[in-house]
Amino acid sequence: PPGTGDEILTVTQTLQLDAAIIVT
């Protein structure tokens, strides 16, 4: 979802992400 809230924090702390695509 938009922003930098709970959903994003949950996933980034749970998974070892390889990449992040930031859309503007």
PDBML (XML) file of the C-alpha atoms, coordinates in Angstrom:
<?xml version="1.0" encoding="UTF-8" ?>
<PDBx:datablock datablockName="MODEL"
   xmlns:PDBx="http://pdbml.pdb.org/schema/pdbx-v50.xsd"
   xmlns:xsi="http://www.w3.org/2001/XMLSchema-instance"
   xsi:schemaLocation="http://pdbml.pdb.org/schema/pdbx-v50.xsd pdbx-v50.xsd">
   <PDBx:atom_siteCategory>
      <PDBx:atom_site id="1">
         <PDBx:B_iso_or_equiv>0.00</PDBx:B_iso_or_equiv>
         <PDBx:Cartn_x>0.000</PDBx:Cartn_x>
         <PDBx:Cartn_y>0.000</PDBx:Cartn_y>
         <PDBx:Cartn_z>0.000</PDBx:Cartn_z>
         <PDBx:auth_asym_id>A</PDBx:auth_asym_id>
         <PDBx:auth_atom_id>CA</PDBx:auth_atom_id>
         <PDBx:auth_comp_id>PRO</PDBx:auth_comp_id>
         <PDBx:auth_seq_id>1</PDBx:auth_seq_id>
         <PDBx:group_PDB>ATOM</PDBx:group_PDB>
         <PDBx:label_alt_id xsi:nil="true" />
         <PDBx:label_asym_id>A</PDBx:label_asym_id>
         <PDBx:label_atom_id>CA</PDBx:label_atom_id>
         <PDBx:label_comp_id>PRO</PDBx:label_comp_id>
         <PDBx:label_entity_id>1</PDBx:label_entity_id>
         <PDBx:label_seq_id>1</PDBx:label_seq_id>
         <PDBx:occupancy>1.00</PDBx:occupancy>
         <PDBx:pdbx_PDB_model_num>1</PDBx:pdbx_PDB_model_num>
         <PDBx:type_symbol>C</PDBx:type_symbol>
      </PDBx:atom_site>
      <PDBx:atom_site id="2">
         <PDBx:B_iso_or_equiv>0.00</PDBx:B_iso_or_equiv>
         <PDBx:Cartn_x>1.107</PDBx:Cartn_x>
         <PDBx:Cartn_y>3.654</PDBx:Cartn_y>
         <PDBx:Cartn_z>-0.192</PDBx:Cartn_z>
         <PDBx:auth_asym_id>A</PDBx:auth_asym_id>
         <PDBx:auth_atom_id>CA</PDBx:auth_atom_id>
         <PDBx:auth_comp_id>PRO</PDBx:auth_comp_id>
         <PDBx:auth_seq_id>2</PDBx:auth_seq_id>
         <PDBx:group_PDB>ATOM</PDBx:group_PDB>
         <PDBx:label_alt_id xsi:nil="true" />
         <PDBx:label_asym_id>A</PDBx:label_asym_id>
         <PDBx:label_atom_id>CA</PDBx:label_atom_id>
         <PDBx:label_comp_id>PRO</PDBx:label_comp_id>
         <PDBx:label_entity_id>1</PDBx:label_entity_id>
         <PDBx:label_seq_id>2</PDBx:label_seq_id>
         <PDBx:occupancy>1.00</PDBx:occupancy>
         <PDBx:pdbx_PDB_model_num>1</PDBx:pdbx_PDB_model_num>
         <PDBx:type_symbol>C</PDBx:type_symbol>
      </PDBx:atom_site>
      <PDBx:atom_site id="3">
         <PDBx:B_iso_or_equiv>0.00</PDBx:B_iso_or_equiv>
         <PDBx:Cartn_x>3.300</PDBx:Cartn_x>
         <PDBx:Cartn_y>5.092</PDBx:Cartn_y>
         <PDBx:Cartn_z>2.530</PDBx:Cartn_z>
         <PDBx:auth_asym_id>A</PDBx:auth_asym_id>
         <PDBx:auth_atom_id>CA</PDBx:auth_atom_id>
         <PDBx:auth_comp_id>GLY</PDBx:auth_comp_id>
         <PDBx:auth_seq_id>3</PDBx:auth_seq_id>
         <PDBx:group_PDB>ATOM</PDBx:group_PDB>
         <PDBx:label_alt_id xsi:nil="true" />
         <PDBx:label_asym_id>A</PDBx:label_asym_id>
         <PDBx:label_atom_id>CA</PDBx:label_atom_id>
         <PDBx:label_comp_id>GLY</PDBx:label_comp_id>
         <PDBx:label_entity_id>1</PDBx:label_entity_id>
         <PDBx:label_seq_id>3</PDBx:label_seq_id>
         <PDBx:occupancy>1.00</PDBx:occupancy>
         <PDBx:pdbx_PDB_model_num>1</PDBx:pdbx_PDB_model_num>
         <PDBx:type_symbol>C</PDBx:type_symbol>
      </PDBx:atom_site>
      <PDBx:atom_site id="4">
         <PDBx:B_iso_or_equiv>0.00</PDBx:B_iso_or_equiv>
         <PDBx:Cartn_x>5.810</PDBx:Cartn_x>
         <PDBx:Cartn_y>3.588</PDBx:Cartn_y>
         <PDBx:Cartn_z>4.927</PDBx:Cartn_z>
         <PDBx:auth_asym_id>A</PDBx:auth_asym_id>
         <PDBx:auth_atom_id>CA</PDBx:auth_atom_id>
         <PDBx:auth_comp_id>THR</PDBx:auth_comp_id>
         <PDBx:auth_seq_id>4</PDBx:auth_seq_id>
         <PDBx:group_PDB>ATOM</PDBx:group_PDB>
         <PDBx:label_alt_id xsi:nil="true" />
         <PDBx:label_asym_id>A</PDBx:label_asym_id>
         <PDBx:label_atom_id>CA</PDBx:label_atom_id>
         <PDBx:label_comp_id>THR</PDBx:label_comp_id>
         <PDBx:label_entity_id>1</PDBx:label_entity_id>
         <PDBx:label_seq_id>4</PDBx:label_seq_id>
         <PDBx:occupancy>1.00</PDBx:occupancy>
         <PDBx:pdbx_PDB_model_num>1</PDBx:pdbx_PDB_model_num>
         <PDBx:type_symbol>C</PDBx:type_symbol>
      </PDBx:atom_site>
      <PDBx:atom_site id="5">
         <PDBx:B_iso_or_equiv>0.00</PDBx:B_iso_or_equiv>
         <PDBx:Cartn_x>3.537</PDBx:Cartn_x>
         <PDBx:Cartn_y>1.903</PDBx:Cartn_y>
         <PDBx:Cartn_z>7.458</PDBx:Cartn_z>
         <PDBx:auth_asym_id>A</PDBx:auth_asym_id>
         <PDBx:auth_atom_id>CA</PDBx:auth_atom_id>
         <PDBx:auth_comp_id>GLY</PDBx:auth_comp_id>
         <PDBx:auth_seq_id>5</PDBx:auth_seq_id>
         <PDBx:group_PDB>ATOM</PDBx:group_PDB>
         <PDBx:label_alt_id xsi:nil="true" />
         <PDBx:label_asym_id>A</PDBx:label_asym_id>
         <PDBx:label_atom_id>CA</PDBx:label_atom_id>
         <PDBx:label_comp_id>GLY</PDBx:label_comp_id>
         <PDBx:label_entity_id>1</PDBx:label_entity_id>
         <PDBx:label_seq_id>5</PDBx:label_seq_id>
         <PDBx:occupancy>1.00</PDBx:occupancy>
         <PDBx:pdbx_PDB_model_num>1</PDBx:pdbx_PDB_model_num>
         <PDBx:type_symbol>C</PDBx:type_symbol>
      </PDBx:atom_site>
      <PDBx:atom_site id="6">
         <PDBx:B_iso_or_equiv>0.00</PDBx:B_iso_or_equiv>
         <PDBx:Cartn_x>2.943</PDBx:Cartn_x>
         <PDBx:Cartn_y>-1.414</PDBx:Cartn_y>
         <PDBx:Cartn_z>9.205</PDBx:Cartn_z>
         <PDBx:auth_asym_id>A</PDBx:auth_asym_id>
         <PDBx:auth_atom_id>CA</PDBx:auth_atom_id>
         <PDBx:auth_comp_id>ASP</PDBx:auth_comp_id>
         <PDBx:auth_seq_id>6</PDBx:auth_seq_id>
         <PDBx:group_PDB>ATOM</PDBx:group_PDB>
         <PDBx:label_alt_id xsi:nil="true" />
         <PDBx:label_asym_id>A</PDBx:label_asym_id>
         <PDBx:label_atom_id>CA</PDBx:label_atom_id>
         <PDBx:label_comp_id>ASP</PDBx:label_comp_id>
         <PDBx:label_entity_id>1</PDBx:label_entity_id>
         <PDBx:label_seq_id>6</PDBx:label_seq_id>
         <PDBx:occupancy>1.00</PDBx:occupancy>
         <PDBx:pdbx_PDB_model_num>1</PDBx:pdbx_PDB_model_num>
         <PDBx:type_symbol>C</PDBx:type_symbol>
      </PDBx:atom_site>
      <PDBx:atom_site id="7">
         <PDBx:B_iso_or_equiv>0.00</PDBx:B_iso_or_equiv>
         <PDBx:Cartn_x>2.508</PDBx:Cartn_x>
         <PDBx:Cartn_y>-3.557</PDBx:Cartn_y>
         <PDBx:Cartn_z>6.097</PDBx:Cartn_z>
         <PDBx:auth_asym_id>A</PDBx:auth_asym_id>
         <PDBx:auth_atom_id>CA</PDBx:auth_atom_id>
         <PDBx:auth_comp_id>GLU</PDBx:auth_comp_id>
         <PDBx:auth_seq_id>7</PDBx:auth_seq_id>
         <PDBx:group_PDB>ATOM</PDBx:group_PDB>
         <PDBx:label_alt_id xsi:nil="true" />
         <PDBx:label_asym_id>A</PDBx:label_asym_id>
         <PDBx:label_atom_id>CA</PDBx:label_atom_id>
         <PDBx:label_comp_id>GLU</PDBx:label_comp_id>
         <PDBx:label_entity_id>1</PDBx:label_entity_id>
         <PDBx:label_seq_id>7</PDBx:label_seq_id>
         <PDBx:occupancy>1.00</PDBx:occupancy>
         <PDBx:pdbx_PDB_model_num>1</PDBx:pdbx_PDB_model_num>
         <PDBx:type_symbol>C</PDBx:type_symbol>
      </PDBx:atom_site>
      <PDBx:atom_site id="8">
         <PDBx:B_iso_or_equiv>0.00</PDBx:B_iso_or_equiv>
         <PDBx:Cartn_x>5.864</PDBx:Cartn_x>
         <PDBx:Cartn_y>-2.559</PDBx:Cartn_y>
         <PDBx:Cartn_z>4.632</PDBx:Cartn_z>
         <PDBx:auth_asym_id>A</PDBx:auth_asym_id>
         <PDBx:auth_atom_id>CA</PDBx:auth_atom_id>
         <PDBx:auth_comp_id>ILE</PDBx:auth_comp_id>
         <PDBx:auth_seq_id>8</PDBx:auth_seq_id>
         <PDBx:group_PDB>ATOM</PDBx:group_PDB>
         <PDBx:label_alt_id xsi:nil="true" />
         <PDBx:label_asym_id>A</PDBx:label_asym_id>
         <PDBx:label_atom_id>CA</PDBx:label_atom_id>
         <PDBx:label_comp_id>ILE</PDBx:label_comp_id>
         <PDBx:label_entity_id>1</PDBx:label_entity_id>
         <PDBx:label_seq_id>8</PDBx:label_seq_id>
         <PDBx:occupancy>1.00</PDBx:occupancy>
         <PDBx:pdbx_PDB_model_num>1</PDBx:pdbx_PDB_model_num>
         <PDBx:type_symbol>C</PDBx:type_symbol>
      </PDBx:atom_site>
      <PDBx:atom_site id="9">
         <PDBx:B_iso_or_equiv>0.00</PDBx:B_iso_or_equiv>
         <PDBx:Cartn_x>7.688</PDBx:Cartn_x>
         <PDBx:Cartn_y>-2.819</PDBx:Cartn_y>
         <PDBx:Cartn_z>7.930</PDBx:Cartn_z>
         <PDBx:auth_asym_id>A</PDBx:auth_asym_id>
         <PDBx:auth_atom_id>CA</PDBx:auth_atom_id>
         <PDBx:auth_comp_id>LEU</PDBx:auth_comp_id>
         <PDBx:auth_seq_id>9</PDBx:auth_seq_id>
         <PDBx:group_PDB>ATOM</PDBx:group_PDB>
         <PDBx:label_alt_id xsi:nil="true" />
         <PDBx:label_asym_id>A</PDBx:label_asym_id>
         <PDBx:label_atom_id>CA</PDBx:label_atom_id>
         <PDBx:label_comp_id>LEU</PDBx:label_comp_id>
         <PDBx:label_entity_id>1</PDBx:label_entity_id>
         <PDBx:label_seq_id>9</PDBx:label_seq_id>
         <PDBx:occupancy>1.00</PDBx:occupancy>
         <PDBx:pdbx_PDB_model_num>1</PDBx:pdbx_PDB_model_num>
         <PDBx:type_symbol>C</PDBx:type_symbol>
      </PDBx:atom_site>
      <PDBx:atom_site id="10">
         <PDBx:B_iso_or_equiv>0.00</PDBx:B_iso_or_equiv>
         <PDBx:Cartn_x>6.215</PDBx:Cartn_x>
         <PDBx:Cartn_y>-6.283</PDBx:Cartn_y>
         <PDBx:Cartn_z>8.554</PDBx:Cartn_z>
         <PDBx:auth_asym_id>A</PDBx:auth_asym_id>
         <PDBx:auth_atom_id>CA</PDBx:auth_atom_id>
         <PDBx:auth_comp_id>THR</PDBx:auth_comp_id>
         <PDBx:auth_seq_id>10</PDBx:auth_seq_id>
         <PDBx:group_PDB>ATOM</PDBx:group_PDB>
         <PDBx:label_alt_id xsi:nil="true" />
         <PDBx:label_asym_id>A</PDBx:label_asym_id>
         <PDBx:label_atom_id>CA</PDBx:label_atom_id>
         <PDBx:label_comp_id>THR</PDBx:label_comp_id>
         <PDBx:label_entity_id>1</PDBx:label_entity_id>
         <PDBx:label_seq_id>10</PDBx:label_seq_id>
         <PDBx:occupancy>1.00</PDBx:occupancy>
         <PDBx:pdbx_PDB_model_num>1</PDBx:pdbx_PDB_model_num>
         <PDBx:type_symbol>C</PDBx:type_symbol>
      </PDBx:atom_site>
      <PDBx:atom_site id="11">
         <PDBx:B_iso_or_equiv>0.00</PDBx:B_iso_or_equiv>
         <PDBx:Cartn_x>7.371</PDBx:Cartn_x>
         <PDBx:Cartn_y>-7.689</PDBx:Cartn_y>
         <PDBx:Cartn_z>5.219</PDBx:Cartn_z>
         <PDBx:auth_asym_id>A</PDBx:auth_asym_id>
         <PDBx:auth_atom_id>CA</PDBx:auth_atom_id>
         <PDBx:auth_comp_id>VAL</PDBx:auth_comp_id>
         <PDBx:auth_seq_id>11</PDBx:auth_seq_id>
         <PDBx:group_PDB>ATOM</PDBx:group_PDB>
         <PDBx:label_alt_id xsi:nil="true" />
         <PDBx:label_asym_id>A</PDBx:label_asym_id>
         <PDBx:label_atom_id>CA</PDBx:label_atom_id>
         <PDBx:label_comp_id>VAL</PDBx:label_comp_id>
         <PDBx:label_entity_id>1</PDBx:label_entity_id>
         <PDBx:label_seq_id>11</PDBx:label_seq_id>
         <PDBx:occupancy>1.00</PDBx:occupancy>
         <PDBx:pdbx_PDB_model_num>1</PDBx:pdbx_PDB_model_num>
         <PDBx:type_symbol>C</PDBx:type_symbol>
      </PDBx:atom_site>
      <PDBx:atom_site id="12">
         <PDBx:B_iso_or_equiv>0.00</PDBx:B_iso_or_equiv>
         <PDBx:Cartn_x>10.805</PDBx:Cartn_x>
         <PDBx:Cartn_y>-6.078</PDBx:Cartn_y>
         <PDBx:Cartn_z>5.203</PDBx:Cartn_z>
         <PDBx:auth_asym_id>A</PDBx:auth_asym_id>
         <PDBx:auth_atom_id>CA</PDBx:auth_atom_id>
         <PDBx:auth_comp_id>THR</PDBx:auth_comp_id>
         <PDBx:auth_seq_id>12</PDBx:auth_seq_id>
         <PDBx:group_PDB>ATOM</PDBx:group_PDB>
         <PDBx:label_alt_id xsi:nil="true" />
         <PDBx:label_asym_id>A</PDBx:label_asym_id>
         <PDBx:label_atom_id>CA</PDBx:label_atom_id>
         <PDBx:label_comp_id>THR</PDBx:label_comp_id>
         <PDBx:label_entity_id>1</PDBx:label_entity_id>
         <PDBx:label_seq_id>12</PDBx:label_seq_id>
         <PDBx:occupancy>1.00</PDBx:occupancy>
         <PDBx:pdbx_PDB_model_num>1</PDBx:pdbx_PDB_model_num>
         <PDBx:type_symbol>C</PDBx:type_symbol>
      </PDBx:atom_site>
      <PDBx:atom_site id="13">
         <PDBx:B_iso_or_equiv>0.00</PDBx:B_iso_or_equiv>
         <PDBx:Cartn_x>11.478</PDBx:Cartn_x>
         <PDBx:Cartn_y>-7.419</PDBx:Cartn_y>
         <PDBx:Cartn_z>8.692</PDBx:Cartn_z>
         <PDBx:auth_asym_id>A</PDBx:auth_asym_id>
         <PDBx:auth_atom_id>CA</PDBx:auth_atom_id>
         <PDBx:auth_comp_id>GLN</PDBx:auth_comp_id>
         <PDBx:auth_seq_id>13</PDBx:auth_seq_id>
         <PDBx:group_PDB>ATOM</PDBx:group_PDB>
         <PDBx:label_alt_id xsi:nil="true" />
         <PDBx:label_asym_id>A</PDBx:label_asym_id>
         <PDBx:label_atom_id>CA</PDBx:label_atom_id>
         <PDBx:label_comp_id>GLN</PDBx:label_comp_id>
         <PDBx:label_entity_id>1</PDBx:label_entity_id>
         <PDBx:label_seq_id>13</PDBx:label_seq_id>
         <PDBx:occupancy>1.00</PDBx:occupancy>
         <PDBx:pdbx_PDB_model_num>1</PDBx:pdbx_PDB_model_num>
         <PDBx:type_symbol>C</PDBx:type_symbol>
      </PDBx:atom_site>
      <PDBx:atom_site id="14">
         <PDBx:B_iso_or_equiv>0.00</PDBx:B_iso_or_equiv>
         <PDBx:Cartn_x>10.152</PDBx:Cartn_x>
         <PDBx:Cartn_y>-10.882</PDBx:Cartn_y>
         <PDBx:Cartn_z>7.803</PDBx:Cartn_z>
         <PDBx:auth_asym_id>A</PDBx:auth_asym_id>
         <PDBx:auth_atom_id>CA</PDBx:auth_atom_id>
         <PDBx:auth_comp_id>THR</PDBx:auth_comp_id>
         <PDBx:auth_seq_id>14</PDBx:auth_seq_id>
         <PDBx:group_PDB>ATOM</PDBx:group_PDB>
         <PDBx:label_alt_id xsi:nil="true" />
         <PDBx:label_asym_id>A</PDBx:label_asym_id>
         <PDBx:label_atom_id>CA</PDBx:label_atom_id>
         <PDBx:label_comp_id>THR</PDBx:label_comp_id>
         <PDBx:label_entity_id>1</PDBx:label_entity_id>
         <PDBx:label_seq_id>14</PDBx:label_seq_id>
         <PDBx:occupancy>1.00</PDBx:occupancy>
         <PDBx:pdbx_PDB_model_num>1</PDBx:pdbx_PDB_model_num>
         <PDBx:type_symbol>C</PDBx:type_symbol>
      </PDBx:atom_site>
      <PDBx:atom_site id="15">
         <PDBx:B_iso_or_equiv>0.00</PDBx:B_iso_or_equiv>
         <PDBx:Cartn_x>11.598</PDBx:Cartn_x>
         <PDBx:Cartn_y>-11.452</PDBx:Cartn_y>
         <PDBx:Cartn_z>4.322</PDBx:Cartn_z>
         <PDBx:auth_asym_id>A</PDBx:auth_asym_id>
         <PDBx:auth_atom_id>CA</PDBx:auth_atom_id>
         <PDBx:auth_comp_id>LEU</PDBx:auth_comp_id>
         <PDBx:auth_seq_id>15</PDBx:auth_seq_id>
         <PDBx:group_PDB>ATOM</PDBx:group_PDB>
         <PDBx:label_alt_id xsi:nil="true" />
         <PDBx:label_asym_id>A</PDBx:label_asym_id>
         <PDBx:label_atom_id>CA</PDBx:label_atom_id>
         <PDBx:label_comp_id>LEU</PDBx:label_comp_id>
         <PDBx:label_entity_id>1</PDBx:label_entity_id>
         <PDBx:label_seq_id>15</PDBx:label_seq_id>
         <PDBx:occupancy>1.00</PDBx:occupancy>
         <PDBx:pdbx_PDB_model_num>1</PDBx:pdbx_PDB_model_num>
         <PDBx:type_symbol>C</PDBx:type_symbol>
      </PDBx:atom_site>
      <PDBx:atom_site id="16">
         <PDBx:B_iso_or_equiv>0.00</PDBx:B_iso_or_equiv>
         <PDBx:Cartn_x>15.108</PDBx:Cartn_x>
         <PDBx:Cartn_y>-10.968</PDBx:Cartn_y>
         <PDBx:Cartn_z>2.996</PDBx:Cartn_z>
         <PDBx:auth_asym_id>A</PDBx:auth_asym_id>
         <PDBx:auth_atom_id>CA</PDBx:auth_atom_id>
         <PDBx:auth_comp_id>GLN</PDBx:auth_comp_id>
         <PDBx:auth_seq_id>16</PDBx:auth_seq_id>
         <PDBx:group_PDB>ATOM</PDBx:group_PDB>
         <PDBx:label_alt_id xsi:nil="true" />
         <PDBx:label_asym_id>A</PDBx:label_asym_id>
         <PDBx:label_atom_id>CA</PDBx:label_atom_id>
         <PDBx:label_comp_id>GLN</PDBx:label_comp_id>
         <PDBx:label_entity_id>1</PDBx:label_entity_id>
         <PDBx:label_seq_id>16</PDBx:label_seq_id>
         <PDBx:occupancy>1.00</PDBx:occupancy>
         <PDBx:pdbx_PDB_model_num>1</PDBx:pdbx_PDB_model_num>
         <PDBx:type_symbol>C</PDBx:type_symbol>
      </PDBx:atom_site>
      <PDBx:atom_site id="17">
         <PDBx:B_iso_or_equiv>0.00</PDBx:B_iso_or_equiv>
         <PDBx:Cartn_x>14.155</PDBx:Cartn_x>
         <PDBx:Cartn_y>-8.733</PDBx:Cartn_y>
         <PDBx:Cartn_z>0.084</PDBx:Cartn_z>
         <PDBx:auth_asym_id>A</PDBx:auth_asym_id>
         <PDBx:auth_atom_id>CA</PDBx:auth_atom_id>
         <PDBx:auth_comp_id>LEU</PDBx:auth_comp_id>
         <PDBx:auth_seq_id>17</PDBx:auth_seq_id>
         <PDBx:group_PDB>ATOM</PDBx:group_PDB>
         <PDBx:label_alt_id xsi:nil="true" />
         <PDBx:label_asym_id>A</PDBx:label_asym_id>
         <PDBx:label_atom_id>CA</PDBx:label_atom_id>
         <PDBx:label_comp_id>LEU</PDBx:label_comp_id>
         <PDBx:label_entity_id>1</PDBx:label_entity_id>
         <PDBx:label_seq_id>17</PDBx:label_seq_id>
         <PDBx:occupancy>1.00</PDBx:occupancy>
         <PDBx:pdbx_PDB_model_num>1</PDBx:pdbx_PDB_model_num>
         <PDBx:type_symbol>C</PDBx:type_symbol>
      </PDBx:atom_site>
      <PDBx:atom_site id="18">
         <PDBx:B_iso_or_equiv>0.00</PDBx:B_iso_or_equiv>
         <PDBx:Cartn_x>16.443</PDBx:Cartn_x>
         <PDBx:Cartn_y>-8.711</PDBx:Cartn_y>
         <PDBx:Cartn_z>-2.954</PDBx:Cartn_z>
         <PDBx:auth_asym_id>A</PDBx:auth_asym_id>
         <PDBx:auth_atom_id>CA</PDBx:auth_atom_id>
         <PDBx:auth_comp_id>ASP</PDBx:auth_comp_id>
         <PDBx:auth_seq_id>18</PDBx:auth_seq_id>
         <PDBx:group_PDB>ATOM</PDBx:group_PDB>
         <PDBx:label_alt_id xsi:nil="true" />
         <PDBx:label_asym_id>A</PDBx:label_asym_id>
         <PDBx:label_atom_id>CA</PDBx:label_atom_id>
         <PDBx:label_comp_id>ASP</PDBx:label_comp_id>
         <PDBx:label_entity_id>1</PDBx:label_entity_id>
         <PDBx:label_seq_id>18</PDBx:label_seq_id>
         <PDBx:occupancy>1.00</PDBx:occupancy>
         <PDBx:pdbx_PDB_model_num>1</PDBx:pdbx_PDB_model_num>
         <PDBx:type_symbol>C</PDBx:type_symbol>
      </PDBx:atom_site>
      <PDBx:atom_site id="19">
         <PDBx:B_iso_or_equiv>0.00</PDBx:B_iso_or_equiv>
         <PDBx:Cartn_x>15.064</PDBx:Cartn_x>
         <PDBx:Cartn_y>-5.548</PDBx:Cartn_y>
         <PDBx:Cartn_z>-4.528</PDBx:Cartn_z>
         <PDBx:auth_asym_id>A</PDBx:auth_asym_id>
         <PDBx:auth_atom_id>CA</PDBx:auth_atom_id>
         <PDBx:auth_comp_id>ALA</PDBx:auth_comp_id>
         <PDBx:auth_seq_id>19</PDBx:auth_seq_id>
         <PDBx:group_PDB>ATOM</PDBx:group_PDB>
         <PDBx:label_alt_id xsi:nil="true" />
         <PDBx:label_asym_id>A</PDBx:label_asym_id>
         <PDBx:label_atom_id>CA</PDBx:label_atom_id>
         <PDBx:label_comp_id>ALA</PDBx:label_comp_id>
         <PDBx:label_entity_id>1</PDBx:label_entity_id>
         <PDBx:label_seq_id>19</PDBx:label_seq_id>
         <PDBx:occupancy>1.00</PDBx:occupancy>
         <PDBx:pdbx_PDB_model_num>1</PDBx:pdbx_PDB_model_num>
         <PDBx:type_symbol>C</PDBx:type_symbol>
      </PDBx:atom_site>
      <PDBx:atom_site id="20">
         <PDBx:B_iso_or_equiv>0.00</PDBx:B_iso_or_equiv>
         <PDBx:Cartn_x>12.653</PDBx:Cartn_x>
         <PDBx:Cartn_y>-2.662</PDBx:Cartn_y>
         <PDBx:Cartn_z>-4.052</PDBx:Cartn_z>
         <PDBx:auth_asym_id>A</PDBx:auth_asym_id>
         <PDBx:auth_atom_id>CA</PDBx:auth_atom_id>
         <PDBx:auth_comp_id>ALA</PDBx:auth_comp_id>
         <PDBx:auth_seq_id>20</PDBx:auth_seq_id>
         <PDBx:group_PDB>ATOM</PDBx:group_PDB>
         <PDBx:label_alt_id xsi:nil="true" />
         <PDBx:label_asym_id>A</PDBx:label_asym_id>
         <PDBx:label_atom_id>CA</PDBx:label_atom_id>
         <PDBx:label_comp_id>ALA</PDBx:label_comp_id>
         <PDBx:label_entity_id>1</PDBx:label_entity_id>
         <PDBx:label_seq_id>20</PDBx:label_seq_id>
         <PDBx:occupancy>1.00</PDBx:occupancy>
         <PDBx:pdbx_PDB_model_num>1</PDBx:pdbx_PDB_model_num>
         <PDBx:type_symbol>C</PDBx:type_symbol>
      </PDBx:atom_site>
      <PDBx:atom_site id="21">
         <PDBx:B_iso_or_equiv>0.00</PDBx:B_iso_or_equiv>
         <PDBx:Cartn_x>11.023</PDBx:Cartn_x>
         <PDBx:Cartn_y>-0.903</PDBx:Cartn_y>
         <PDBx:Cartn_z>-7.002</PDBx:Cartn_z>
         <PDBx:auth_asym_id>A</PDBx:auth_asym_id>
         <PDBx:auth_atom_id>CA</PDBx:auth_atom_id>
         <PDBx:auth_comp_id>ILE</PDBx:auth_comp_id>
         <PDBx:auth_seq_id>21</PDBx:auth_seq_id>
         <PDBx:group_PDB>ATOM</PDBx:group_PDB>
         <PDBx:label_alt_id xsi:nil="true" />
         <PDBx:label_asym_id>A</PDBx:label_asym_id>
         <PDBx:label_atom_id>CA</PDBx:label_atom_id>
         <PDBx:label_comp_id>ILE</PDBx:label_comp_id>
         <PDBx:label_entity_id>1</PDBx:label_entity_id>
         <PDBx:label_seq_id>21</PDBx:label_seq_id>
         <PDBx:occupancy>1.00</PDBx:occupancy>
         <PDBx:pdbx_PDB_model_num>1</PDBx:pdbx_PDB_model_num>
         <PDBx:type_symbol>C</PDBx:type_symbol>
      </PDBx:atom_site>
      <PDBx:atom_site id="22">
         <PDBx:B_iso_or_equiv>0.00</PDBx:B_iso_or_equiv>
         <PDBx:Cartn_x>9.886</PDBx:Cartn_x>
         <PDBx:Cartn_y>2.597</PDBx:Cartn_y>
         <PDBx:Cartn_z>-6.033</PDBx:Cartn_z>
         <PDBx:auth_asym_id>A</PDBx:auth_asym_id>
         <PDBx:auth_atom_id>CA</PDBx:auth_atom_id>
         <PDBx:auth_comp_id>ILE</PDBx:auth_comp_id>
         <PDBx:auth_seq_id>22</PDBx:auth_seq_id>
         <PDBx:group_PDB>ATOM</PDBx:group_PDB>
         <PDBx:label_alt_id xsi:nil="true" />
         <PDBx:label_asym_id>A</PDBx:label_asym_id>
         <PDBx:label_atom_id>CA</PDBx:label_atom_id>
         <PDBx:label_comp_id>ILE</PDBx:label_comp_id>
         <PDBx:label_entity_id>1</PDBx:label_entity_id>
         <PDBx:label_seq_id>22</PDBx:label_seq_id>
         <PDBx:occupancy>1.00</PDBx:occupancy>
         <PDBx:pdbx_PDB_model_num>1</PDBx:pdbx_PDB_model_num>
         <PDBx:type_symbol>C</PDBx:type_symbol>
      </PDBx:atom_site>
      <PDBx:atom_site id="23">
         <PDBx:B_iso_or_equiv>0.00</PDBx:B_iso_or_equiv>
         <PDBx:Cartn_x>7.170</PDBx:Cartn_x>
         <PDBx:Cartn_y>4.026</PDBx:Cartn_y>
         <PDBx:Cartn_z>-8.272</PDBx:Cartn_z>
         <PDBx:auth_asym_id>A</PDBx:auth_asym_id>
         <PDBx:auth_atom_id>CA</PDBx:auth_atom_id>
         <PDBx:auth_comp_id>VAL</PDBx:auth_comp_id>
         <PDBx:auth_seq_id>23</PDBx:auth_seq_id>
         <PDBx:group_PDB>ATOM</PDBx:group_PDB>
         <PDBx:label_alt_id xsi:nil="true" />
         <PDBx:label_asym_id>A</PDBx:label_asym_id>
         <PDBx:label_atom_id>CA</PDBx:label_atom_id>
         <PDBx:label_comp_id>VAL</PDBx:label_comp_id>
         <PDBx:label_entity_id>1</PDBx:label_entity_id>
         <PDBx:label_seq_id>23</PDBx:label_seq_id>
         <PDBx:occupancy>1.00</PDBx:occupancy>
         <PDBx:pdbx_PDB_model_num>1</PDBx:pdbx_PDB_model_num>
         <PDBx:type_symbol>C</PDBx:type_symbol>
      </PDBx:atom_site>
      <PDBx:atom_site id="24">
         <PDBx:B_iso_or_equiv>0.00</PDBx:B_iso_or_equiv>
         <PDBx:Cartn_x>6.807</PDBx:Cartn_x>
         <PDBx:Cartn_y>7.755</PDBx:Cartn_y>
         <PDBx:Cartn_z>-8.806</PDBx:Cartn_z>
         <PDBx:auth_asym_id>A</PDBx:auth_asym_id>
         <PDBx:auth_atom_id>CA</PDBx:auth_atom_id>
         <PDBx:auth_comp_id>THR</PDBx:auth_comp_id>
         <PDBx:auth_seq_id>24</PDBx:auth_seq_id>
         <PDBx:group_PDB>ATOM</PDBx:group_PDB>
         <PDBx:label_alt_id xsi:nil="true" />
         <PDBx:label_asym_id>A</PDBx:label_asym_id>
         <PDBx:label_atom_id>CA</PDBx:label_atom_id>
         <PDBx:label_comp_id>THR</PDBx:label_comp_id>
         <PDBx:label_entity_id>1</PDBx:label_entity_id>
         <PDBx:label_seq_id>24</PDBx:label_seq_id>
         <PDBx:occupancy>1.00</PDBx:occupancy>
         <PDBx:pdbx_PDB_model_num>1</PDBx:pdbx_PDB_model_num>
         <PDBx:type_symbol>C</PDBx:type_symbol>
      </PDBx:atom_site>
   </PDBx:atom_siteCategory>
</PDBx:datablock>
